[in-house]
Structure formats: structure tokens, C-alpha cells
PDB file of N, CA and C in Angstrom:
ATOM      1  N   UNK A   1       0.819  -1.198   0.000  1.00  0.00           N
ATOM      2  CA  UNK A   1       0.000   0.000   0.000  1.00  0.00           C
ATOM      3  C   UNK A   1       0.866   1.266   0.000  1.00  0.00           C
ATOM      4  N   UNK A   2       1.970   1.248   0.765  1.00  0.00           N
ATOM      5  CA  UNK A   2       2.840   2.425   0.813  1.00  0.00           C
ATOM      6  C   UNK A   2       3.374   2.777  -0.568  1.00  0.00           C
ATOM      7  N   UNK A   3       3.734   1.762  -1.351  1.00  0.00           N
ATOM      8  CA  UNK A   3       4.293   2.025  -2.676  1.00  0.00           C
ATOM      9  C   UNK A   3       3.247   2.634  -3.609  1.00  0.00           C
ATOM     10  N   UNK A   4       2.005   2.240  -3.444  1.00  0.00           N
ATOM     11  CA  UNK A   4       0.944   2.797  -4.276  1.00  0.00           C
ATOM     12  C   UNK A   4       0.768   4.279  -3.962  1.00  0.00           C
ATOM     13  N   UNK A   5       0.756   4.623  -2.672  1.00  0.00           N
ATOM     14  CA  UNK A   5       0.594   6.023  -2.281  1.00  0.00           C
ATOM     15  C   UNK A   5       1.795   6.835  -2.750  1.00  0.00           C
ATOM     16  N   UNK A   6       2.993   6.330  -2.526  1.00  0.00           N
ATOM     17  CA  UNK A   6       4.197   7.049  -2.949  1.00  0.00           C
ATOM     18  C   UNK A   6       4.209   7.201  -4.468  1.00  0.00           C
ATOM     19  N   UNK A   7       3.824   6.151  -5.187  1.00  0.00           N
ATOM     20  CA  UNK A   7       3.776   6.220  -6.640  1.00  0.00           C
ATOM     21  C   UNK A   7       2.751   7.219  -7.133  1.00  0.00           C
ATOM     22  N   UNK A   8       1.647   7.320  -6.420  1.00  0.00           N
ATOM     23  CA  UNK A   8       0.612   8.274  -6.807  1.00  0.00           C
ATOM     24  C   UNK A   8       1.041   9.707  -6.503  1.00  0.00           C
ATOM     25  N   UNK A   9       1.858   9.896  -5.461  1.00  0.00           N
ATOM     26  CA  UNK A   9       2.283  11.238  -5.074  1.00  0.00           C
ATOM     27  C   UNK A   9       3.449  11.744  -5.915  1.00  0.00           C
ATOM     28  N   UNK A  10       4.293  10.862  -6.420  1.00  0.00           N
ATOM     29  CA  UNK A  10       5.494  11.297  -7.133  1.00  0.00           C
ATOM     30  C   UNK A  10       5.197  12.200  -8.317  1.00  0.00           C
ATOM     31  N   UNK A  11       4.248  11.872  -9.196  1.00  0.00           N
ATOM     32  CA  UNK A  11       3.961  12.802 -10.293  1.00  0.00           C
ATOM     33  C   UNK A  11       3.505  14.175  -9.799  1.00  0.00           C
ATOM     34  N   UNK A  12       2.748  14.215  -8.708  1.00  0.00           N
ATOM     35  CA  UNK A  12       2.298  15.500  -8.166  1.00  0.00           C
ATOM     36  C   UNK A  12       3.482  16.301  -7.664  1.00  0.00           C
ATOM     37  N   UNK A  13       4.428  15.658  -7.003  1.00  0.00           N
ATOM     38  CA  UNK A  13       5.611  16.357  -6.514  1.00  0.00           C
ATOM     39  C   UNK A  13       6.450  16.863  -7.676  1.00  0.00           C
ATOM     40  N   UNK A  14       6.608  16.062  -8.697  1.00  0.00           N
ATOM     41  CA  UNK A  14       7.400  16.472  -9.858  1.00  0.00           C
ATOM     42  C   UNK A  14       6.736  17.635 -10.573  1.00  0.00           C
ATOM     43  N   UNK A  15       5.417  17.657 -10.590  1.00  0.00           N
ATOM     44  CA  UNK A  15       4.694  18.711 -11.295  1.00  0.00           C
ATOM     45  C   UNK A  15       4.831  20.058 -10.592  1.00  0.00           C
ATOM     46  N   UNK A  16       5.064  20.054  -9.262  1.00  0.00           N
ATOM     47  CA  UNK A  16       5.169  21.311  -8.546  1.00  0.00           C
ATOM     48  C   UNK A  16       6.584  21.874  -8.577  1.00  0.00           C
ATOM     49  N   UNK A  17       7.582  21.106  -8.940  1.00  0.00           N
ATOM     50  CA  UNK A  17       8.973  21.572  -8.934  1.00  0.00           C
ATOM     51  C   UNK A  17       9.339  22.143 -10.295  1.00  0.00           C
ATOM     52  N   UNK A  18       8.721  23.273 -10.663  1.00  0.00           N
ATOM     53  CA  UNK A  18       8.970  23.872 -11.964  1.00  0.00           C
ATOM     54  C   UNK A  18       9.780  25.148 -11.865  1.00  0.00           C
ATOM     55  N   UNK A  19      10.204  25.522 -10.665  1.00  0.00           N
ATOM     56  CA  UNK A  19      10.972  26.753 -10.518  1.00  0.00           C
ATOM     57  C   UNK A  19      12.278  26.618 -11.277  1.00  0.00           C
ATOM     58  N   UNK A  20      12.571  27.631 -12.065  1.00  0.00           N
ATOM     59  CA  UNK A  20      13.789  27.652 -12.867  1.00  0.00           C
ATOM     60  C   UNK A  20      14.645  28.821 -12.408  1.00  0.00           C
ATOM     61  N   UNK A  21      15.899  28.575 -12.012  1.00  0.00           N
ATOM     62  CA  UNK A  21      16.763  29.695 -11.645  1.00  0.00           C
ATOM     63  C   UNK A  21      17.054  30.550 -12.874  1.00  0.00           C
ATOM     64  N   UNK A  22      16.977  31.867 -12.716  1.00  0.00           N
ATOM     65  CA  UNK A  22      17.231  32.774 -13.823  1.00  0.00           C
ATOM     66  C   UNK A  22      18.689  33.223 -13.832  1.00  0.00           C
ATOM     67  N   UNK A  23      19.218  33.408 -15.026  1.00  0.00           N
ATOM     68  CA  UNK A  23      20.553  33.969 -15.191  1.00  0.00           C
ATOM     69  C   UNK A  23      20.450  35.491 -15.100  1.00  0.00           C
ATOM     70  N   UNK A  24      21.588  36.156 -15.007  1.00  0.00           N
ATOM     71  CA  UNK A  24      21.587  37.612 -14.949  1.00  0.00           C
ATOM     72  C   UNK A  24      20.819  38.254 -16.097  1.00  0.00           C
ATOM     73  N   UNK A  25      21.122  37.888 -17.370  1.00  0.00           N
ATOM     74  CA  UNK A  25      20.367  38.482 -18.474  1.00  0.00           C
ATOM     75  C   UNK A  25      18.867  38.159 -18.418  1.00  0.00           C
ATOM     76  N   UNK A  26      18.516  36.978 -17.938  1.00  0.00           N
ATOM     77  CA  UNK A  26      17.099  36.627 -17.817  1.00  0.00           C
ATOM     78  C   UNK A  26      16.412  37.457 -16.735  1.00  0.00           C
ATOM     79  N   UNK A  27      17.124  37.719 -15.626  1.00  0.00           N
ATOM     80  CA  UNK A  27      16.560  38.559 -14.567  1.00  0.00           C
ATOM     81  C   UNK A  27      16.266  39.941 -15.134  1.00  0.00           C
ATOM     82  N   UNK A  28      17.252  40.513 -15.817  1.00  0.00           N
ATOM     83  CA  UNK A  28      17.100  41.852 -16.391  1.00  0.00           C
ATOM     84  C   UNK A  28      15.911  41.898 -17.349  1.00  0.00           C
ATOM     85  N   UNK A  29      15.819  40.916 -18.241  1.00  0.00           N
ATOM     86  CA  UNK A  29      14.732  40.876 -19.226  1.00  0.00           C
ATOM     87  C   UNK A  29      13.372  40.673 -18.553  1.00  0.00           C
ATOM     88  N   UNK A  30      13.345  39.950 -17.455  1.00  0.00           N
ATOM     89  CA  UNK A  30      12.085  39.635 -16.779  1.00  0.00           C
ATOM     90  C   UNK A  30      11.517  40.819 -16.017  1.00  0.00           C
ATOM     91  N   UNK A  31      12.370  41.604 -15.341  1.00  0.00           N
ATOM     92  CA  UNK A  31      11.826  42.648 -14.460  1.00  0.00           C
ATOM     93  C   UNK A  31      11.959  44.073 -14.985  1.00  0.00           C
ATOM     94  N   UNK A  32      12.846  44.323 -15.929  1.00  0.00           N
ATOM     95  CA  UNK A  32      13.040  45.693 -16.400  1.00  0.00           C
ATOM     96  C   UNK A  32      11.756  46.219 -17.047  1.00  0.00           C
ATOM     97  N   UNK A  33      11.257  47.326 -16.514  1.00  0.00           N
ATOM     98  CA  UNK A  33      10.015  47.909 -17.028  1.00  0.00           C
ATOM     99  C   UNK A  33       8.771  47.188 -16.559  1.00  0.00           C
ATOM    100  N   UNK A  34       8.905  46.346 -15.536  1.00  0.00           N
ATOM    101  CA  UNK A  34       7.770  45.555 -15.041  1.00  0.00           C
ATOM    102  C   UNK A  34       7.468  45.882 -13.592  1.00  0.00           C
ATOM    103  N   UNK A  35       6.362  45.367 -13.156  1.00  0.00           N
ATOM    104  CA  UNK A  35       5.872  45.503 -11.778  1.00  0.00           C
ATOM    105  C   UNK A  35       5.831  44.096 -11.200  1.00  0.00           C
ATOM    106  N   UNK A  36       6.473  43.892 -10.052  1.00  0.00           N
ATOM    107  CA  UNK A  36       6.443  42.596  -9.373  1.00  0.00           C
ATOM    108  C   UNK A  36       5.730  42.811  -8.049  1.00  0.00           C
ATOM    109  N   UNK A  37       4.723  41.986  -7.764  1.00  0.00           N
ATOM    110  CA  UNK A  37       3.875  42.189  -6.588  1.00  0.00           C
ATOM    111  C   UNK A  37       3.318  40.883  -6.053  1.00  0.00           C
ATOM    112  N   UNK A  38       3.044  40.870  -4.756  1.00  0.00           N
ATOM    113  CA  UNK A  38       2.298  39.740  -4.197  1.00  0.00           C
ATOM    114  C   UNK A  38       0.804  40.022  -4.221  1.00  0.00           C
ATOM    115  N   UNK A  39       0.425  41.174  -4.765  1.00  0.00           N
ATOM    116  CA  UNK A  39      -0.953  41.639  -4.935  1.00  0.00           C
ATOM    117  C   UNK A  39      -1.679  41.934  -3.623  1.00  0.00           C
ATOM    118  N   UNK A  40      -0.938  41.978  -2.508  1.00  0.00           N
ATOM    119  CA  UNK A  40      -1.555  42.292  -1.218  1.00  0.00           C
ATOM    120  C   UNK A  40      -0.687  43.215  -0.361  1.00  0.00           C
ATOM    121  N   UNK A  41       0.573  42.834  -0.163  1.00  0.00           N
ATOM    122  CA  UNK A  41       1.425  43.516   0.806  1.00  0.00           C
ATOM    123  C   UNK A  41       2.517  44.382   0.198  1.00  0.00           C
ATOM    124  N   UNK A  42       2.969  44.029  -0.967  1.00  0.00           N
ATOM    125  CA  UNK A  42       4.080  44.772  -1.554  1.00  0.00           C
ATOM    126  C   UNK A  42       4.013  44.764  -3.072  1.00  0.00           C
ATOM    127  N   UNK A  43       4.670  45.764  -3.661  1.00  0.00           N
ATOM    128  CA  UNK A  43       4.811  45.857  -5.102  1.00  0.00           C
ATOM    129  C   UNK A  43       6.055  46.661  -5.428  1.00  0.00           C
ATOM    130  N   UNK A  44       6.829  46.200  -6.390  1.00  0.00           N
ATOM    131  CA  UNK A  44       8.050  46.881  -6.817  1.00  0.00           C
ATOM    132  C   UNK A  44       7.937  47.220  -8.301  1.00  0.00           C
ATOM    133  N   UNK A  45       8.114  48.499  -8.624  1.00  0.00           N
ATOM    134  CA  UNK A  45       8.170  48.947 -10.014  1.00  0.00           C
ATOM    135  C   UNK A  45       9.641  49.039 -10.397  1.00  0.00           C
ATOM    136  N   UNK A  46      10.070  48.212 -11.356  1.00  0.00           N
ATOM    137  CA  UNK A  46      11.464  48.161 -11.790  1.00  0.00           C
ATOM    138  C   UNK A  46      11.625  48.956 -13.087  1.00  0.00           C
ATOM    139  N   UNK A  47      12.273  50.108 -12.993  1.00  0.00           N
ATOM    140  CA  UNK A  47      12.503  50.954 -14.160  1.00  0.00           C
ATOM    141  C   UNK A  47      13.816  50.553 -14.833  1.00  0.00           C
ATOM    142  N   UNK A  48      13.872  50.739 -16.141  1.00  0.00           N
ATOM    143  CA  UNK A  48      15.047  50.334 -16.920  1.00  0.00           C
ATOM    144  C   UNK A  48      16.314  51.056 -16.490  1.00  0.00           C
ATOM    145  N   UNK A  49      16.183  52.245 -15.904  1.00  0.00           N
ATOM    146  CA  UNK A  49      17.366  53.000 -15.479  1.00  0.00           C
ATOM    147  C   UNK A  49      17.903  52.567 -14.113  1.00  0.00           C
ATOM    148  N   UNK A  50      17.327  51.522 -13.508  1.00  0.00           N
ATOM    149  CA  UNK A  50      17.817  51.001 -12.233  1.00  0.00           C
ATOM    150  C   UNK A  50      17.059  51.498 -11.012  1.00  0.00           C
ATOM    151  N   UNK A  51      16.092  52.376 -11.217  1.00  0.00           N
ATOM    152  CA  UNK A  51      15.279  52.836 -10.087  1.00  0.00           C
ATOM    153  C   UNK A  51      14.228  51.789  -9.752  1.00  0.00           C
ATOM    154  N   UNK A  52      13.864  51.772  -8.466  1.00  0.00           N
ATOM    155  CA  UNK A  52      12.755  50.934  -8.006  1.00  0.00           C
ATOM    156  C   UNK A  52      11.856  51.807  -7.149  1.00  0.00           C
ATOM    157  N   UNK A  53      10.577  51.818  -7.456  1.00  0.00           N
ATOM    158  CA  UNK A  53       9.578  52.432  -6.583  1.00  0.00           C
ATOM    159  C   UNK A  53       8.903  51.275  -5.860  1.00  0.00           C
ATOM    160  N   UNK A  54       9.030  51.298  -4.535  1.00  0.00           N
ATOM    161  CA  UNK A  54       8.522  50.192  -3.716  1.00  0.00           C
ATOM    162  C   UNK A  54       7.351  50.642  -2.862  1.00  0.00           C
ATOM    163  N   UNK A  55       6.338  49.815  -2.837  1.00  0.00           N
ATOM    164  CA  UNK A  55       5.233  49.989  -1.912  1.00  0.00           C
ATOM    165  C   UNK A  55       5.218  48.725  -1.066  1.00  0.00           C
ATOM    166  N   UNK A  56       5.502  48.896   0.228  1.00  0.00           N
ATOM    167  CA  UNK A  56       5.586  47.735   1.123  1.00  0.00           C
ATOM    168  C   UNK A  56       4.775  48.016   2.377  1.00  0.00           C
ATOM    169  N   UNK A  57       3.703  47.266   2.550  1.00  0.00           N
ATOM    170  CA  UNK A  57       2.811  47.424   3.697  1.00  0.00           C
ATOM    171  C   UNK A  57       2.370  48.877   3.879  1.00  0.00           C
ATOM    172  N   UNK A  58       1.997  49.522   2.775  1.00  0.00           N
ATOM    173  CA  UNK A  58       1.481  50.874   2.820  1.00  0.00           C
ATOM    174  C   UNK A  58       2.533  51.975   2.802  1.00  0.00           C
ATOM    175  N   UNK A  59       3.801  51.623   2.886  1.00  0.00           N
ATOM    176  CA  UNK A  59       4.880  52.616   2.856  1.00  0.00           C
ATOM    177  C   UNK A  59       5.466  52.716   1.457  1.00  0.00           C
ATOM    178  N   UNK A  60       5.691  53.946   1.022  1.00  0.00           N
ATOM    179  CA  UNK A  60       6.323  54.184  -0.274  1.00  0.00           C
ATOM    180  C   UNK A  60       7.814  54.423  -0.038  1.00  0.00           C
ATOM    181  N   UNK A  61       8.644  53.671  -0.748  1.00  0.00           N
ATOM    182  CA  UNK A  61      10.091  53.806  -0.607  1.00  0.00           C
ATOM    183  C   UNK A  61      10.742  53.671  -1.966  1.00  0.00           C
ATOM    184  N   UNK A  62      11.952  54.169  -2.049  1.00  0.00           N
ATOM    185  CA  UNK A  62      12.706  54.028  -3.286  1.00  0.00           C
ATOM    186  C   UNK A  62      13.879  53.088  -3.053  1.00  0.00           C
ATOM    187  N   UNK A  63      14.460  52.630  -4.141  1.00  0.00           N
ATOM    188  CA  UNK A  63      15.633  51.763  -4.086  1.00  0.00           C
ATOM    189  C   UNK A  63      16.298  51.815  -5.454  1.00  0.00           C
ATOM    190  N   UNK A  64      17.376  51.110  -5.587  1.00  0.00           N
ATOM    191  CA  UNK A  64      18.062  50.927  -6.864  1.00  0.00           C
ATOM    192  C   UNK A  64      18.200  49.421  -7.075  1.00  0.00           C
ATOM    193  N   UNK A  65      18.075  48.997  -8.336  1.00  0.00           N
ATOM    194  CA  UNK A  65      18.274  47.590  -8.646  1.00  0.00           C
ATOM    195  C   UNK A  65      19.395  47.444  -9.656  1.00  0.00           C
ATOM    196  N   UNK A  66      20.068  46.304  -9.572  1.00  0.00           N
ATOM    197  CA  UNK A  66      21.112  45.951 -10.527  1.00  0.00           C
ATOM    198  C   UNK A  66      21.195  44.436 -10.568  1.00  0.00           C
ATOM    199  N   UNK A  67      21.922  43.961 -11.537  1.00  0.00           N
ATOM    200  CA  UNK A  67      22.161  42.518 -11.652  1.00  0.00           C
ATOM    201  C   UNK A  67      23.661  42.312 -11.541  1.00  0.00           C
ATOM    202  N   UNK A  68      24.053  41.432 -10.639  1.00  0.00           N
ATOM    203  CA  UNK A  68      25.467  41.071 -10.471  1.00  0.00           C
ATOM    204  C   UNK A  68      25.571  39.562 -10.591  1.00  0.00           C
ATOM    205  N   UNK A  69      26.290  39.116 -11.604  1.00  0.00           N
ATOM    206  CA  UNK A  69      26.340  37.678 -11.858  1.00  0.00           C
ATOM    207  C   UNK A  69      24.950  37.199 -12.191  1.00  0.00           C
ATOM    208  N   UNK A  70      24.489  36.241 -11.447  1.00  0.00           N
ATOM    209  CA  UNK A  70      23.142  35.698 -11.645  1.00  0.00           C
ATOM    210  C   UNK A  70      22.224  36.057 -10.478  1.00  0.00           C
ATOM    211  N   UNK A  71      22.427  37.252  -9.921  1.00  0.00           N
ATOM    212  CA  UNK A  71      21.605  37.684  -8.799  1.00  0.00           C
ATOM    213  C   UNK A  71      21.043  39.080  -9.035  1.00  0.00           C
ATOM    214  N   UNK A  72      19.847  39.283  -8.500  1.00  0.00           N
ATOM    215  CA  UNK A  72      19.214  40.592  -8.463  1.00  0.00           C
ATOM    216  C   UNK A  72      19.665  41.265  -7.178  1.00  0.00           C
ATOM    217  N   UNK A  73      20.186  42.477  -7.293  1.00  0.00           N
ATOM    218  CA  UNK A  73      20.668  43.208  -6.119  1.00  0.00           C
ATOM    219  C   UNK A  73      19.825  44.454  -5.913  1.00  0.00           C
ATOM    220  N   UNK A  74      19.388  44.657  -4.670  1.00  0.00           N
ATOM    221  CA  UNK A  74      18.582  45.818  -4.301  1.00  0.00           C
ATOM    222  C   UNK A  74      19.346  46.652  -3.286  1.00  0.00           C
ATOM    223  N   UNK A  75      19.539  47.916  -3.626  1.00  0.00           N
ATOM    224  CA  UNK A  75      20.157  48.866  -2.710  1.00  0.00           C
ATOM    225  C   UNK A  75      19.024  49.663  -2.079  1.00  0.00           C
ATOM    226  N   UNK A  76      18.732  49.334  -0.828  1.00  0.00           N
ATOM    227  CA  UNK A  76      17.618  49.931  -0.110  1.00  0.00           C
ATOM    228  C   UNK A  76      18.188  50.895   0.937  1.00  0.00           C
ATOM    229  N   UNK A  77      18.004  52.207   0.741  1.00  0.00           N
ATOM    230  CA  UNK A  77      18.635  53.191   1.623  1.00  0.00           C
ATOM    231  C   UNK A  77      18.325  53.013   3.107  1.00  0.00           C
ATOM    232  N   UNK A  78      17.167  52.485   3.446  1.00  0.00           N
ATOM    233  CA  UNK A  78      16.841  52.307   4.861  1.00  0.00           C
ATOM    234  C   UNK A  78      17.634  51.151   5.486  1.00  0.00           C
ATOM    235  N   UNK A  79      18.240  50.307   4.644  1.00  0.00           N
ATOM    236  CA  UNK A  79      19.068  49.201   5.138  1.00  0.00           C
ATOM    237  C   UNK A  79      20.546  49.554   5.018  1.00  0.00           C
ATOM    238  N   UNK A  80      20.947  50.024   3.834  1.00  0.00           N
ATOM    239  CA  UNK A  80      22.332  50.410   3.596  1.00  0.00           C
ATOM    240  C   UNK A  80      22.380  51.376   2.424  1.00  0.00           C
ATOM    241  N   UNK A  81      23.259  52.338   2.510  1.00  0.00           N
ATOM    242  CA  UNK A  81      23.447  53.281   1.404  1.00  0.00           C
ATOM    243  C   UNK A  81      24.577  52.836   0.481  1.00  0.00           C
ATOM    244  N   UNK A  82      25.320  51.786   0.877  1.00  0.00           N
ATOM    245  CA  UNK A  82      26.488  51.344   0.120  1.00  0.00           C
ATOM    246  C   UNK A  82      26.423  49.904  -0.388  1.00  0.00           C
ATOM    247  N   UNK A  83      25.864  49.012   0.413  1.00  0.00           N
ATOM    248  CA  UNK A  83      25.882  47.589   0.092  1.00  0.00           C
ATOM    249  C   UNK A  83      24.498  47.067  -0.282  1.00  0.00           C
ATOM    250  N   UNK A  84      24.321  46.651  -1.527  1.00  0.00           N
ATOM    251  CA  UNK A  84      23.026  46.062  -1.888  1.00  0.00           C
ATOM    252  C   UNK A  84      22.881  44.659  -1.308  1.00  0.00           C
ATOM    253  N   UNK A  85      21.657  44.233  -1.189  1.00  0.00           N
ATOM    254  CA  UNK A  85      21.348  42.854  -0.805  1.00  0.00           C
ATOM    255  C   UNK A  85      20.996  42.131  -2.092  1.00  0.00           C
ATOM    256  N   UNK A  86      21.645  40.993  -2.313  1.00  0.00           N
ATOM    257  CA  UNK A  86      21.459  40.270  -3.574  1.00  0.00           C
ATOM    258  C   UNK A  86      20.699  38.967  -3.355  1.00  0.00           C
ATOM    259  N   UNK A  87      19.900  38.621  -4.350  1.00  0.00           N
ATOM    260  CA  UNK A  87      19.033  37.444  -4.281  1.00  0.00           C
ATOM    261  C   UNK A  87      19.157  36.631  -5.557  1.00  0.00           C
ATOM    262  N   UNK A  88      19.086  35.315  -5.427  1.00  0.00           N
ATOM    263  CA  UNK A  88      18.889  34.499  -6.614  1.00  0.00           C
ATOM    264  C   UNK A  88      17.395  34.576  -6.940  1.00  0.00           C
ATOM    265  N   UNK A  89      17.075  34.494  -8.212  1.00  0.00           N
ATOM    266  CA  UNK A  89      15.685  34.635  -8.645  1.00  0.00           C
ATOM    267  C   UNK A  89      15.270  33.349  -9.356  1.00  0.00           C
ATOM    268  N   UNK A  90      14.166  32.780  -8.902  1.00  0.00           N
ATOM    269  CA  UNK A  90      13.601  31.599  -9.535  1.00  0.00           C
ATOM    270  C   UNK A  90      12.266  31.975 -10.138  1.00  0.00           C
ATOM    271  N   UNK A  91      11.961  31.372 -11.281  1.00  0.00           N
ATOM    272  CA  UNK A  91      10.718  31.697 -11.983  1.00  0.00           C
ATOM    273  C   UNK A  91       9.908  30.428 -12.218  1.00  0.00           C
ATOM    274  N   UNK A  92       8.601  30.584 -12.069  1.00  0.00           N
ATOM    275  CA  UNK A  92       7.642  29.536 -12.406  1.00  0.00           C
ATOM    276  C   UNK A  92       6.488  30.253 -13.102  1.00  0.00           C
ATOM    277  N   UNK A  93       6.524  30.312 -14.433  1.00  0.00           N
ATOM    278  CA  UNK A  93       5.518  31.068 -15.176  1.00  0.00           C
ATOM    279  C   UNK A  93       5.661  32.537 -14.864  1.00  0.00           C
ATOM    280  N   UNK A  94       4.605  33.163 -14.343  1.00  0.00           N
ATOM    281  CA  UNK A  94       4.649  34.584 -13.966  1.00  0.00           C
ATOM    282  C   UNK A  94       5.047  34.784 -12.506  1.00  0.00           C
ATOM    283  N   UNK A  95       5.305  33.702 -11.790  1.00  0.00           N
ATOM    284  CA  UNK A  95       5.703  33.793 -10.385  1.00  0.00           C
ATOM    285  C   UNK A  95       7.217  33.891 -10.264  1.00  0.00           C
ATOM    286  N   UNK A  96       7.665  34.793  -9.377  1.00  0.00           N
ATOM    287  CA  UNK A  96       9.083  34.913  -9.068  1.00  0.00           C
ATOM    288  C   UNK A  96       9.291  34.696  -7.585  1.00  0.00           C
ATOM    289  N   UNK A  97      10.415  34.066  -7.257  1.00  0.00           N
ATOM    290  CA  UNK A  97      10.860  33.952  -5.875  1.00  0.00           C
ATOM    291  C   UNK A  97      12.236  34.573  -5.790  1.00  0.00           C
ATOM    292  N   UNK A  98      12.448  35.442  -4.786  1.00  0.00           N
ATOM    293  CA  UNK A  98      13.767  35.999  -4.517  1.00  0.00           C
ATOM    294  C   UNK A  98      14.278  35.257  -3.293  1.00  0.00           C
ATOM    295  N   UNK A  99      15.404  34.561  -3.450  1.00  0.00           N
ATOM    296  CA  UNK A  99      15.962  33.781  -2.345  1.00  0.00           C
ATOM    297  C   UNK A  99      17.291  34.372  -1.893  1.00  0.00           C
ATOM    298  N   UNK A 100      17.470  34.384  -0.576  1.00  0.00           N
ATOM    299  CA  UNK A 100      18.730  34.879  -0.026  1.00  0.00           C
ATOM    300  C   UNK A 100      19.786  33.770  -0.075  1.00  0.00           C
ATOM    301  N   UNK A 101      20.962  34.043   0.477  1.00  0.00           N
ATOM    302  CA  UNK A 101      22.061  33.072   0.429  1.00  0.00           C
ATOM    303  C   UNK A 101      21.737  31.769   1.158  1.00  0.00           C
ATOM    304  N   UNK A 102      20.840  31.824   2.137  1.00  0.00           N
ATOM    305  CA  UNK A 102      20.432  30.622   2.865  1.00  0.00           C
ATOM    306  C   UNK A 102      19.293  29.888   2.160  1.00  0.00           C
ATOM    307  N   UNK A 103      18.919  30.350   0.956  1.00  0.00           N
ATOM    308  CA  UNK A 103      17.837  29.788   0.152  1.00  0.00           C
ATOM    309  C   UNK A 103      16.458  29.991   0.774  1.00  0.00           C
ATOM    310  N   UNK A 104      16.340  31.009   1.635  1.00  0.00           N
ATOM    311  CA  UNK A 104      15.058  31.397   2.210  1.00  0.00           C
ATOM    312  C   UNK A 104      14.358  32.332   1.230  1.00  0.00           C
ATOM    313  N   UNK A 105      13.073  32.094   0.970  1.00  0.00           N
ATOM    314  CA  UNK A 105      12.312  32.964   0.067  1.00  0.00           C
ATOM    315  C   UNK A 105      12.002  34.272   0.797  1.00  0.00           C
ATOM    316  N   UNK A 106      12.615  35.355   0.339  1.00  0.00           N
ATOM    317  CA  UNK A 106      12.423  36.665   0.946  1.00  0.00           C
ATOM    318  C   UNK A 106      11.233  37.376   0.312  1.00  0.00           C
ATOM    319  N   UNK A 107      11.098  37.264  -0.999  1.00  0.00           N
ATOM    320  CA  UNK A 107       9.961  37.829  -1.718  1.00  0.00           C
ATOM    321  C   UNK A 107       9.399  36.756  -2.643  1.00  0.00           C
ATOM    322  N   UNK A 108       8.079  36.702  -2.716  1.00  0.00           N
ATOM    323  CA  UNK A 108       7.374  35.868  -3.695  1.00  0.00           C
ATOM    324  C   UNK A 108       6.366  36.783  -4.356  1.00  0.00           C
ATOM    325  N   UNK A 109       6.394  36.844  -5.669  1.00  0.00           N
ATOM    326  CA  UNK A 109       5.459  37.728  -6.339  1.00  0.00           C
ATOM    327  C   UNK A 109       5.191  37.334  -7.774  1.00  0.00           C
ATOM    328  N   UNK A 110       4.342  38.112  -8.409  1.00  0.00           N
ATOM    329  CA  UNK A 110       3.936  37.886  -9.786  1.00  0.00           C
ATOM    330  C   UNK A 110       4.442  39.029 -10.652  1.00  0.00           C
ATOM    331  N   UNK A 111       4.889  38.706 -11.851  1.00  0.00           N
ATOM    332  CA  UNK A 111       5.333  39.723 -12.807  1.00  0.00           C
ATOM    333  C   UNK A 111       4.098  40.260 -13.518  1.00  0.00           C
ATOM    334  N   UNK A 112       3.961  41.578 -13.493  1.00  0.00           N
ATOM    335  CA  UNK A 112       2.826  42.247 -14.114  1.00  0.00           C
ATOM    336  C   UNK A 112       3.337  43.389 -14.984  1.00  0.00           C
ATOM    337  N   UNK A 113       2.520  43.858 -15.926  1.00  0.00           N
ATOM    338  CA  UNK A 113       2.899  45.074 -16.664  1.00  0.00           C
ATOM    339  C   UNK A 113       3.005  46.245 -15.690  1.00  0.00           C
ATOM    340  N   UNK A 114       3.815  47.215 -16.045  1.00  0.00           N
ATOM    341  CA  UNK A 114       3.968  48.416 -15.221  1.00  0.00           C
ATOM    342  C   UNK A 114       2.623  49.119 -15.131  1.00  0.00           C
ATOM    343  N   UNK A 115       2.157  49.442 -13.905  1.00  0.00           N
ATOM    344  CA  UNK A 115       0.883  50.158 -13.782  1.00  0.00           C
ATOM    345  C   UNK A 115       0.982  51.539 -14.410  1.00  0.00           C
ATOM    346  N   UNK A 116      -0.133  52.007 -14.922  1.00  0.00           N
ATOM    347  CA  UNK A 116      -0.193  53.351 -15.488  1.00  0.00           C
ATOM    348  C   UNK A 116      -0.065  54.352 -14.344  1.00  0.00           C
ATOM    349  N   UNK A 117       0.637  55.439 -14.635  1.00  0.00           N
ATOM    350  CA  UNK A 117       0.745  56.514 -13.629  1.00  0.00           C
ATOM    351  C   UNK A 117      -0.572  57.265 -13.572  1.00  0.00           C
ATOM    352  N   UNK A 118      -0.950  57.663 -12.363  1.00  0.00           N
ATOM    353  CA  UNK A 118      -2.175  58.446 -12.193  1.00  0.00           C
ATOM    354  C   UNK A 118      -1.916  59.872 -12.658  1.00  0.00           C
ATOM    355  N   UNK A 119      -2.908  60.504 -13.333  1.00  0.00           N
ATOM    356  CA  UNK A 119      -2.723  61.877 -13.834  1.00  0.00           C
ATOM    357  C   UNK A 119      -2.589  62.899 -12.718  1.00  0.00           C
TER     358      UNK A 119
END
């Protein structure tokens, strides 16, 4: 009986492991000019010039983004004015995960078109 259950679960487990690590050029192509959001708590507008407009839990903040190697780096002035925090980025369709060096998911969000600016 155990083998039947394990055999039935294996395809389901394989189907959920679709996250693909992105390379530096893929990260740039995926987020430049886009909006990444969890649709509830946070949203990041990634401009092609490296600016980020962040809305996190109702607070508006700015940052800078860059790609170093195969990582997305965010320079957040409230954390550091000199050292960015870098994340590996995994993609599953329109879903992105930003993982720190310990492989902890720091941000999970969806890639969306850049929202229109209000007049």
C-alpha cells in the first residue's frame, strides 16, 4: 500500500517543482520595465534605469536595482546606502521567488505590466 501512495504522489511532486533559476540576463529581461507584486502587501516597479519604486505594507520607498552575476541586487537606503542585498531569482511562469544566500524565500510575487501613472 505504501508504494501505491508514494507512486501516486510522485507525479504530483514532480509537477510542482517547476521553478527555474534565472541567469543575470534573464533577470534583467524579466523585471526591467515591469511591476512585481504579491498583490496584497508589496509591489516593486522596476525601471530600466535602475530605479525601483517600492510599496511595502502601505509605505512608499525608493531603491536601486542591478544585476550582479546571476543575482538581483537591491540597494535599499533604509538598510544600507552602500551595500546592496542580492538574491537568486527563480521563476515559475509569472511567479518569481527571490531567495537569499540561505535559500530562504524573501519575496514571492507575480510579474505584471507596469501600472499606469495616475494623472
